[in-house]
């Protein structure tokens, strides 16, 4: 039981450290952070819209998801390089 508890604590520390470094990178790259916020807002708007934007909504939502993922990967890369 102690072994499993130790592993869980270790994982939580790693995740906390990664989150802190990602937040630091977002502060260092405010335009990328703002783009992520804007994409998340646009995605939420499209999901809640009463229409499908001429059949483009699903593809646009997927594109937002892809862009958000890539921007987060870019911030994570910088965080790793800056350590």
PDB file of N, CA and C in Angstrom:
ATOM      1  N   UNK A   1       0.824  -1.197   0.000  1.00  0.00           N
ATOM      2  CA  UNK A   1       0.000   0.000   0.000  1.00  0.00           C
ATOM      3  C   UNK A   1       0.870   1.264   0.000  1.00  0.00           C
ATOM      4  N   UNK A   2       1.954   1.226   0.773  1.00  0.00           N
ATOM      5  CA  UNK A   2       2.844   2.390   0.810  1.00  0.00           C
ATOM      6  C   UNK A   2       3.463   2.653  -0.559  1.00  0.00           C
ATOM      7  N   UNK A   3       3.808   1.569  -1.245  1.00  0.00           N
ATOM      8  CA  UNK A   3       4.413   1.688  -2.565  1.00  0.00           C
ATOM      9  C   UNK A   3       3.474   2.407  -3.530  1.00  0.00           C
ATOM     10  N   UNK A   4       2.207   1.997  -3.536  1.00  0.00           N
ATOM     11  CA  UNK A   4       1.214   2.616  -4.417  1.00  0.00           C
ATOM     12  C   UNK A   4       1.001   4.072  -4.031  1.00  0.00           C
ATOM     13  N   UNK A   5       0.942   4.353  -2.729  1.00  0.00           N
ATOM     14  CA  UNK A   5       0.795   5.741  -2.276  1.00  0.00           C
ATOM     15  C   UNK A   5       1.972   6.579  -2.738  1.00  0.00           C
ATOM     16  N   UNK A   6       3.174   6.019  -2.661  1.00  0.00           N
ATOM     17  CA  UNK A   6       4.363   6.743  -3.110  1.00  0.00           C
ATOM     18  C   UNK A   6       4.325   7.044  -4.587  1.00  0.00           C
ATOM     19  N   UNK A   7       3.866   6.079  -5.358  1.00  0.00           N
ATOM     20  CA  UNK A   7       3.745   6.290  -6.806  1.00  0.00           C
ATOM     21  C   UNK A   7       2.728   7.384  -7.096  1.00  0.00           C
ATOM     22  N   UNK A   8       1.604   7.351  -6.422  1.00  0.00           N
ATOM     23  CA  UNK A   8       0.571   8.369  -6.636  1.00  0.00           C
ATOM     24  C   UNK A   8       1.072   9.757  -6.264  1.00  0.00           C
ATOM     25  N   UNK A   9       1.759   9.875  -5.162  1.00  0.00           N
ATOM     26  CA  UNK A   9       2.310  11.173  -4.748  1.00  0.00           C
ATOM     27  C   UNK A   9       3.323  11.650  -5.779  1.00  0.00           C
ATOM     28  N   UNK A  10       4.167  10.747  -6.244  1.00  0.00           N
ATOM     29  CA  UNK A  10       5.141  11.110  -7.269  1.00  0.00           C
ATOM     30  C   UNK A  10       4.486  11.597  -8.548  1.00  0.00           C
ATOM     31  N   UNK A  11       3.426  10.924  -8.951  1.00  0.00           N
ATOM     32  CA  UNK A  11       2.702  11.344 -10.158  1.00  0.00           C
ATOM     33  C   UNK A  11       2.079  12.723  -9.963  1.00  0.00           C
ATOM     34  N   UNK A  12       1.519  12.971  -8.802  1.00  0.00           N
ATOM     35  CA  UNK A  12       0.892  14.266  -8.536  1.00  0.00           C
ATOM     36  C   UNK A  12       1.932  15.385  -8.553  1.00  0.00           C
ATOM     37  N   UNK A  13       3.113  15.123  -8.026  1.00  0.00           N
ATOM     38  CA  UNK A  13       4.177  16.131  -8.046  1.00  0.00           C
ATOM     39  C   UNK A  13       4.617  16.410  -9.474  1.00  0.00           C
ATOM     40  N   UNK A  14       4.763  15.358 -10.283  1.00  0.00           N
ATOM     41  CA  UNK A  14       5.155  15.537 -11.687  1.00  0.00           C
ATOM     42  C   UNK A  14       4.117  16.337 -12.450  1.00  0.00           C
ATOM     43  N   UNK A  15       2.857  16.007 -12.258  1.00  0.00           N
ATOM     44  CA  UNK A  15       1.784  16.726 -12.950  1.00  0.00           C
ATOM     45  C   UNK A  15       1.754  18.171 -12.499  1.00  0.00           C
ATOM     46  N   UNK A  16       1.908  18.400 -11.199  1.00  0.00           N
ATOM     47  CA  UNK A  16       1.922  19.768 -10.679  1.00  0.00           C
ATOM     48  C   UNK A  16       3.069  20.577 -11.245  1.00  0.00           C
ATOM     49  N   UNK A  17       4.236  19.961 -11.352  1.00  0.00           N
ATOM     50  CA  UNK A  17       5.405  20.640 -11.911  1.00  0.00           C
ATOM     51  C   UNK A  17       5.178  20.957 -13.379  1.00  0.00           C
ATOM     52  N   UNK A  18       4.627  19.991 -14.135  1.00  0.00           N
ATOM     53  CA  UNK A  18       4.359  20.224 -15.554  1.00  0.00           C
ATOM     54  C   UNK A  18       3.347  21.351 -15.723  1.00  0.00           C
ATOM     55  N   UNK A  19       2.297  21.366 -14.899  1.00  0.00           N
ATOM     56  CA  UNK A  19       1.276  22.417 -14.984  1.00  0.00           C
ATOM     57  C   UNK A  19       1.889  23.770 -14.685  1.00  0.00           C
ATOM     58  N   UNK A  20       2.729  23.844 -13.667  1.00  0.00           N
ATOM     59  CA  UNK A  20       3.378  25.092 -13.311  1.00  0.00           C
ATOM     60  C   UNK A  20       4.267  25.583 -14.440  1.00  0.00           C
ATOM     61  N   UNK A  21       5.044  24.683 -15.052  1.00  0.00           N
ATOM     62  CA  UNK A  21       5.914  25.100 -16.145  1.00  0.00           C
ATOM     63  C   UNK A  21       5.104  25.502 -17.367  1.00  0.00           C
ATOM     64  N   UNK A  22       3.988  24.819 -17.619  1.00  0.00           N
ATOM     65  CA  UNK A  22       3.125  25.204 -18.749  1.00  0.00           C
ATOM     66  C   UNK A  22       2.509  26.571 -18.499  1.00  0.00           C
ATOM     67  N   UNK A  23       2.107  26.847 -17.266  1.00  0.00           N
ATOM     68  CA  UNK A  23       1.552  28.162 -16.935  1.00  0.00           C
ATOM     69  C   UNK A  23       2.614  29.233 -17.101  1.00  0.00           C
ATOM     70  N   UNK A  24       3.844  28.929 -16.702  1.00  0.00           N
ATOM     71  CA  UNK A  24       4.942  29.867 -16.861  1.00  0.00           C
ATOM     72  C   UNK A  24       5.176  30.159 -18.337  1.00  0.00           C
ATOM     73  N   UNK A  25       5.148  29.131 -19.166  1.00  0.00           N
ATOM     74  CA  UNK A  25       5.331  29.326 -20.610  1.00  0.00           C
ATOM     75  C   UNK A  25       4.201  30.173 -21.184  1.00  0.00           C
ATOM     76  N   UNK A  26       2.987  29.943 -20.726  1.00  0.00           N
ATOM     77  CA  UNK A  26       1.859  30.744 -21.210  1.00  0.00           C
ATOM     78  C   UNK A  26       2.075  32.211 -20.861  1.00  0.00           C
ATOM     79  N   UNK A  27       2.622  32.470 -19.680  1.00  0.00           N
ATOM     80  CA  UNK A  27       2.903  33.854 -19.287  1.00  0.00           C
ATOM     81  C   UNK A  27       4.012  34.455 -20.149  1.00  0.00           C
ATOM     82  N   UNK A  28       4.959  33.614 -20.554  1.00  0.00           N
ATOM     83  CA  UNK A  28       6.067  34.094 -21.376  1.00  0.00           C
ATOM     84  C   UNK A  28       5.660  34.283 -22.843  1.00  0.00           C
ATOM     85  N   UNK A  29       4.566  33.641 -23.243  1.00  0.00           N
ATOM     86  CA  UNK A  29       4.090  33.722 -24.627  1.00  0.00           C
ATOM     87  C   UNK A  29       2.603  34.087 -24.615  1.00  0.00           C
ATOM     88  N   UNK A  30       2.290  35.325 -24.262  1.00  0.00           N
ATOM     89  CA  UNK A  30       0.884  35.704 -24.083  1.00  0.00           C
ATOM     90  C   UNK A  30       0.038  35.610 -25.349  1.00  0.00           C
ATOM     91  N   UNK A  31       0.635  35.771 -26.504  1.00  0.00           N
ATOM     92  CA  UNK A  31      -0.152  35.661 -27.741  1.00  0.00           C
ATOM     93  C   UNK A  31      -0.607  34.228 -27.981  1.00  0.00           C
ATOM     94  N   UNK A  32       0.248  33.277 -27.677  1.00  0.00           N
ATOM     95  CA  UNK A  32      -0.145  31.877 -27.824  1.00  0.00           C
ATOM     96  C   UNK A  32      -1.222  31.537 -26.802  1.00  0.00           C
ATOM     97  N   UNK A  33      -1.041  32.008 -25.573  1.00  0.00           N
ATOM     98  CA  UNK A  33      -2.050  31.765 -24.530  1.00  0.00           C
ATOM     99  C   UNK A  33      -3.388  32.387 -24.920  1.00  0.00           C
ATOM    100  N   UNK A  34      -3.354  33.593 -25.483  1.00  0.00           N
ATOM    101  CA  UNK A  34      -4.589  34.258 -25.914  1.00  0.00           C
ATOM    102  C   UNK A  34      -5.238  33.511 -27.073  1.00  0.00           C
ATOM    103  N   UNK A  35      -4.430  32.954 -27.964  1.00  0.00           N
ATOM    104  CA  UNK A  35      -4.970  32.186 -29.084  1.00  0.00           C
ATOM    105  C   UNK A  35      -5.694  30.939 -28.580  1.00  0.00           C
ATOM    106  N   UNK A  36      -5.124  30.284 -27.583  1.00  0.00           N
ATOM    107  CA  UNK A  36      -5.761  29.094 -27.009  1.00  0.00           C
ATOM    108  C   UNK A  36      -7.106  29.469 -26.397  1.00  0.00           C
ATOM    109  N   UNK A  37      -7.135  30.565 -25.649  1.00  0.00           N
ATOM    110  CA  UNK A  37      -8.387  31.021 -25.035  1.00  0.00           C
ATOM    111  C   UNK A  37      -9.417  31.349 -26.118  1.00  0.00           C
ATOM    112  N   UNK A  38      -8.996  32.046 -27.165  1.00  0.00           N
ATOM    113  CA  UNK A  38      -9.900  32.397 -28.255  1.00  0.00           C
ATOM    114  C   UNK A  38     -10.442  31.179 -28.982  1.00  0.00           C
ATOM    115  N   UNK A  39      -9.583  30.206 -29.224  1.00  0.00           N
ATOM    116  CA  UNK A  39     -10.024  28.980 -29.895  1.00  0.00           C
ATOM    117  C   UNK A  39     -11.011  28.197 -29.036  1.00  0.00           C
ATOM    118  N   UNK A  40     -10.750  28.147 -27.732  1.00  0.00           N
ATOM    119  CA  UNK A  40     -11.681  27.454 -26.834  1.00  0.00           C
ATOM    120  C   UNK A  40     -13.033  28.161 -26.812  1.00  0.00           C
ATOM    121  N   UNK A  41     -13.016  29.491 -26.838  1.00  0.00           N
ATOM    122  CA  UNK A  41     -14.260  30.260 -26.855  1.00  0.00           C
ATOM    123  C   UNK A  41     -15.024  30.015 -28.156  1.00  0.00           C
ATOM    124  N   UNK A  42     -14.337  30.043 -29.288  1.00  0.00           N
ATOM    125  CA  UNK A  42     -14.977  29.805 -30.582  1.00  0.00           C
ATOM    126  C   UNK A  42     -15.559  28.396 -30.649  1.00  0.00           C
ATOM    127  N   UNK A  43     -14.821  27.438 -30.117  1.00  0.00           N
ATOM    128  CA  UNK A  43     -15.289  26.049 -30.106  1.00  0.00           C
ATOM    129  C   UNK A  43     -16.569  25.915 -29.287  1.00  0.00           C
ATOM    130  N   UNK A  44     -16.576  26.517 -28.116  1.00  0.00           N
ATOM    131  CA  UNK A  44     -17.763  26.464 -27.252  1.00  0.00           C
ATOM    132  C   UNK A  44     -18.954  27.140 -27.926  1.00  0.00           C
ATOM    133  N   UNK A  45     -18.699  28.249 -28.607  1.00  0.00           N
ATOM    134  CA  UNK A  45     -19.774  28.950 -29.310  1.00  0.00           C
ATOM    135  C   UNK A  45     -20.357  28.070 -30.416  1.00  0.00           C
ATOM    136  N   UNK A  46     -19.495  27.448 -31.186  1.00  0.00           N
ATOM    137  CA  UNK A  46     -19.974  26.592 -32.276  1.00  0.00           C
ATOM    138  C   UNK A  46     -20.736  25.388 -31.748  1.00  0.00           C
ATOM    139  N   UNK A  47     -20.258  24.799 -30.644  1.00  0.00           N
ATOM    140  CA  UNK A  47     -20.961  23.654 -30.065  1.00  0.00           C
ATOM    141  C   UNK A  47     -22.370  24.019 -29.616  1.00  0.00           C
ATOM    142  N   UNK A  48     -22.545  25.229 -29.115  1.00  0.00           N
ATOM    143  CA  UNK A  48     -23.844  25.650 -28.612  1.00  0.00           C
ATOM    144  C   UNK A  48     -24.727  26.320 -29.641  1.00  0.00           C
ATOM    145  N   UNK A  49     -24.237  26.509 -30.850  1.00  0.00           N
ATOM    146  CA  UNK A  49     -25.000  27.218 -31.881  1.00  0.00           C
ATOM    147  C   UNK A  49     -26.197  26.389 -32.345  1.00  0.00           C
ATOM    148  N   UNK A  50     -27.242  27.093 -32.704  1.00  0.00           N
ATOM    149  CA  UNK A  50     -28.461  26.437 -33.171  1.00  0.00           C
ATOM    150  C   UNK A  50     -28.332  25.960 -34.626  1.00  0.00           C
ATOM    151  N   UNK A  51     -27.322  26.426 -35.336  1.00  0.00           N
ATOM    152  CA  UNK A  51     -27.151  26.036 -36.741  1.00  0.00           C
ATOM    153  C   UNK A  51     -25.772  25.418 -36.931  1.00  0.00           C
ATOM    154  N   UNK A  52     -25.529  24.862 -38.116  1.00  0.00           N
ATOM    155  CA  UNK A  52     -24.259  24.163 -38.353  1.00  0.00           C
ATOM    156  C   UNK A  52     -23.310  24.941 -39.263  1.00  0.00           C
ATOM    157  N   UNK A  53     -23.541  26.238 -39.402  1.00  0.00           N
ATOM    158  CA  UNK A  53     -22.665  27.111 -40.198  1.00  0.00           C
ATOM    159  C   UNK A  53     -22.464  26.565 -41.609  1.00  0.00           C
ATOM    160  N   UNK A  54     -23.561  26.198 -42.230  1.00  0.00           N
ATOM    161  CA  UNK A  54     -23.518  25.719 -43.609  1.00  0.00           C
ATOM    162  C   UNK A  54     -22.786  24.399 -43.763  1.00  0.00           C
ATOM    163  N   UNK A  55     -22.815  23.588 -42.727  1.00  0.00           N
ATOM    164  CA  UNK A  55     -22.155  22.292 -42.782  1.00  0.00           C
ATOM    165  C   UNK A  55     -20.685  22.322 -42.386  1.00  0.00           C
ATOM    166  N   UNK A  56     -20.195  23.461 -41.921  1.00  0.00           N
ATOM    167  CA  UNK A  56     -18.774  23.598 -41.595  1.00  0.00           C
ATOM    168  C   UNK A  56     -18.478  23.460 -40.105  1.00  0.00           C
ATOM    169  N   UNK A  57     -19.496  23.379 -39.271  1.00  0.00           N
ATOM    170  CA  UNK A  57     -19.290  23.394 -37.823  1.00  0.00           C
ATOM    171  C   UNK A  57     -18.415  22.227 -37.351  1.00  0.00           C
ATOM    172  N   UNK A  58     -18.725  21.008 -37.735  1.00  0.00           N
ATOM    173  CA  UNK A  58     -17.975  19.857 -37.234  1.00  0.00           C
ATOM    174  C   UNK A  58     -16.498  19.924 -37.615  1.00  0.00           C
ATOM    175  N   UNK A  59     -16.239  20.299 -38.860  1.00  0.00           N
ATOM    176  CA  UNK A  59     -14.849  20.402 -39.306  1.00  0.00           C
ATOM    177  C   UNK A  59     -14.134  21.551 -38.591  1.00  0.00           C
ATOM    178  N   UNK A  60     -14.835  22.650 -38.363  1.00  0.00           N
ATOM    179  CA  UNK A  60     -14.238  23.786 -37.655  1.00  0.00           C
ATOM    180  C   UNK A  60     -13.933  23.425 -36.201  1.00  0.00           C
ATOM    181  N   UNK A  61     -14.803  22.661 -35.566  1.00  0.00           N
ATOM    182  CA  UNK A  61     -14.562  22.226 -34.188  1.00  0.00           C
ATOM    183  C   UNK A  61     -13.337  21.318 -34.131  1.00  0.00           C
ATOM    184  N   UNK A  62     -13.226  20.406 -35.092  1.00  0.00           N
ATOM    185  CA  UNK A  62     -12.043  19.532 -35.136  1.00  0.00           C
ATOM    186  C   UNK A  62     -10.772  20.355 -35.368  1.00  0.00           C
ATOM    187  N   UNK A  63     -10.864  21.364 -36.225  1.00  0.00           N
ATOM    188  CA  UNK A  63      -9.704  22.219 -36.486  1.00  0.00           C
ATOM    189  C   UNK A  63      -9.308  23.001 -35.225  1.00  0.00           C
ATOM    190  N   UNK A  64     -10.302  23.459 -34.471  1.00  0.00           N
ATOM    191  CA  UNK A  64     -10.007  24.133 -33.198  1.00  0.00           C
ATOM    192  C   UNK A  64      -9.302  23.178 -32.245  1.00  0.00           C
ATOM    193  N   UNK A  65      -9.818  21.959 -32.140  1.00  0.00           N
ATOM    194  CA  UNK A  65      -9.201  20.954 -31.266  1.00  0.00           C
ATOM    195  C   UNK A  65      -7.743  20.708 -31.667  1.00  0.00           C
ATOM    196  N   UNK A  66      -7.511  20.570 -32.968  1.00  0.00           N
ATOM    197  CA  UNK A  66      -6.153  20.331 -33.464  1.00  0.00           C
ATOM    198  C   UNK A  66      -5.244  21.522 -33.158  1.00  0.00           C
ATOM    199  N   UNK A  67      -5.737  22.731 -33.383  1.00  0.00           N
ATOM    200  CA  UNK A  67      -4.934  23.934 -33.144  1.00  0.00           C
ATOM    201  C   UNK A  67      -4.622  24.093 -31.653  1.00  0.00           C
ATOM    202  N   UNK A  68      -5.604  23.857 -30.802  1.00  0.00           N
ATOM    203  CA  UNK A  68      -5.385  23.950 -29.353  1.00  0.00           C
ATOM    204  C   UNK A  68      -4.326  22.936 -28.922  1.00  0.00           C
ATOM    205  N   UNK A  69      -4.434  21.718 -29.418  1.00  0.00           N
ATOM    206  CA  UNK A  69      -3.464  20.671 -29.081  1.00  0.00           C
ATOM    207  C   UNK A  69      -2.052  21.078 -29.529  1.00  0.00           C
ATOM    208  N   UNK A  70      -1.917  21.576 -30.747  1.00  0.00           N
ATOM    209  CA  UNK A  70      -0.603  21.964 -31.264  1.00  0.00           C
ATOM    210  C   UNK A  70      -0.009  23.134 -30.485  1.00  0.00           C
ATOM    211  N   UNK A  71      -0.846  24.103 -30.137  1.00  0.00           N
ATOM    212  CA  UNK A  71      -0.345  25.237 -29.363  1.00  0.00           C
ATOM    213  C   UNK A  71       0.102  24.798 -27.970  1.00  0.00           C
ATOM    214  N   UNK A  72      -0.640  23.889 -27.358  1.00  0.00           N
ATOM    215  CA  UNK A  72      -0.224  23.362 -26.056  1.00  0.00           C
ATOM    216  C   UNK A  72       1.087  22.577 -26.179  1.00  0.00           C
ATOM    217  N   UNK A  73       1.236  21.834 -27.257  1.00  0.00           N
ATOM    218  CA  UNK A  73       2.495  21.115 -27.482  1.00  0.00           C
ATOM    219  C   UNK A  73       3.654  22.089 -27.682  1.00  0.00           C
ATOM    220  N   UNK A  74       3.394  23.187 -28.370  1.00  0.00           N
ATOM    221  CA  UNK A  74       4.435  24.204 -28.570  1.00  0.00           C
ATOM    222  C   UNK A  74       4.868  24.791 -27.227  1.00  0.00           C
ATOM    223  N   UNK A  75       3.908  25.096 -26.357  1.00  0.00           N
ATOM    224  CA  UNK A  75       4.248  25.620 -25.030  1.00  0.00           C
ATOM    225  C   UNK A  75       4.998  24.569 -24.210  1.00  0.00           C
ATOM    226  N   UNK A  76       4.569  23.325 -24.295  1.00  0.00           N
ATOM    227  CA  UNK A  76       5.251  22.260 -23.557  1.00  0.00           C
ATOM    228  C   UNK A  76       6.684  22.083 -24.058  1.00  0.00           C
ATOM    229  N   UNK A  77       6.888  22.193 -25.355  1.00  0.00           N
ATOM    230  CA  UNK A  77       8.236  22.092 -25.915  1.00  0.00           C
ATOM    231  C   UNK A  77       9.126  23.194 -25.364  1.00  0.00           C
ATOM    232  N   UNK A  78       8.600  24.441 -25.384  1.00  0.00           N
ATOM    233  CA  UNK A  78       9.392  25.552 -24.860  1.00  0.00           C
ATOM    234  C   UNK A  78       9.707  25.346 -23.383  1.00  0.00           C
ATOM    235  N   UNK A  79       8.723  24.850 -22.631  1.00  0.00           N
ATOM    236  CA  UNK A  79       8.935  24.629 -21.198  1.00  0.00           C
ATOM    237  C   UNK A  79      10.069  23.611 -20.999  1.00  0.00           C
ATOM    238  N   UNK A  80      10.083  22.570 -21.814  1.00  0.00           N
ATOM    239  CA  UNK A  80      11.132  21.555 -21.713  1.00  0.00           C
ATOM    240  C   UNK A  80      12.489  22.133 -22.082  1.00  0.00           C
ATOM    241  N   UNK A  81      12.536  22.974 -23.107  1.00  0.00           N
ATOM    242  CA  UNK A  81      13.788  23.563 -23.547  1.00  0.00           C
ATOM    243  C   UNK A  81      14.337  24.596 -22.555  1.00  0.00           C
ATOM    244  N   UNK A  82      13.443  25.255 -21.851  1.00  0.00           N
ATOM    245  CA  UNK A  82      13.846  26.323 -20.931  1.00  0.00           C
ATOM    246  C   UNK A  82      14.275  25.810 -19.559  1.00  0.00           C
ATOM    247  N   UNK A  83      14.098  24.505 -19.309  1.00  0.00           N
ATOM    248  CA  UNK A  83      14.503  23.946 -18.002  1.00  0.00           C
ATOM    249  C   UNK A  83      15.970  23.905 -17.837  1.00  0.00           C
TER     250      UNK A  83
END
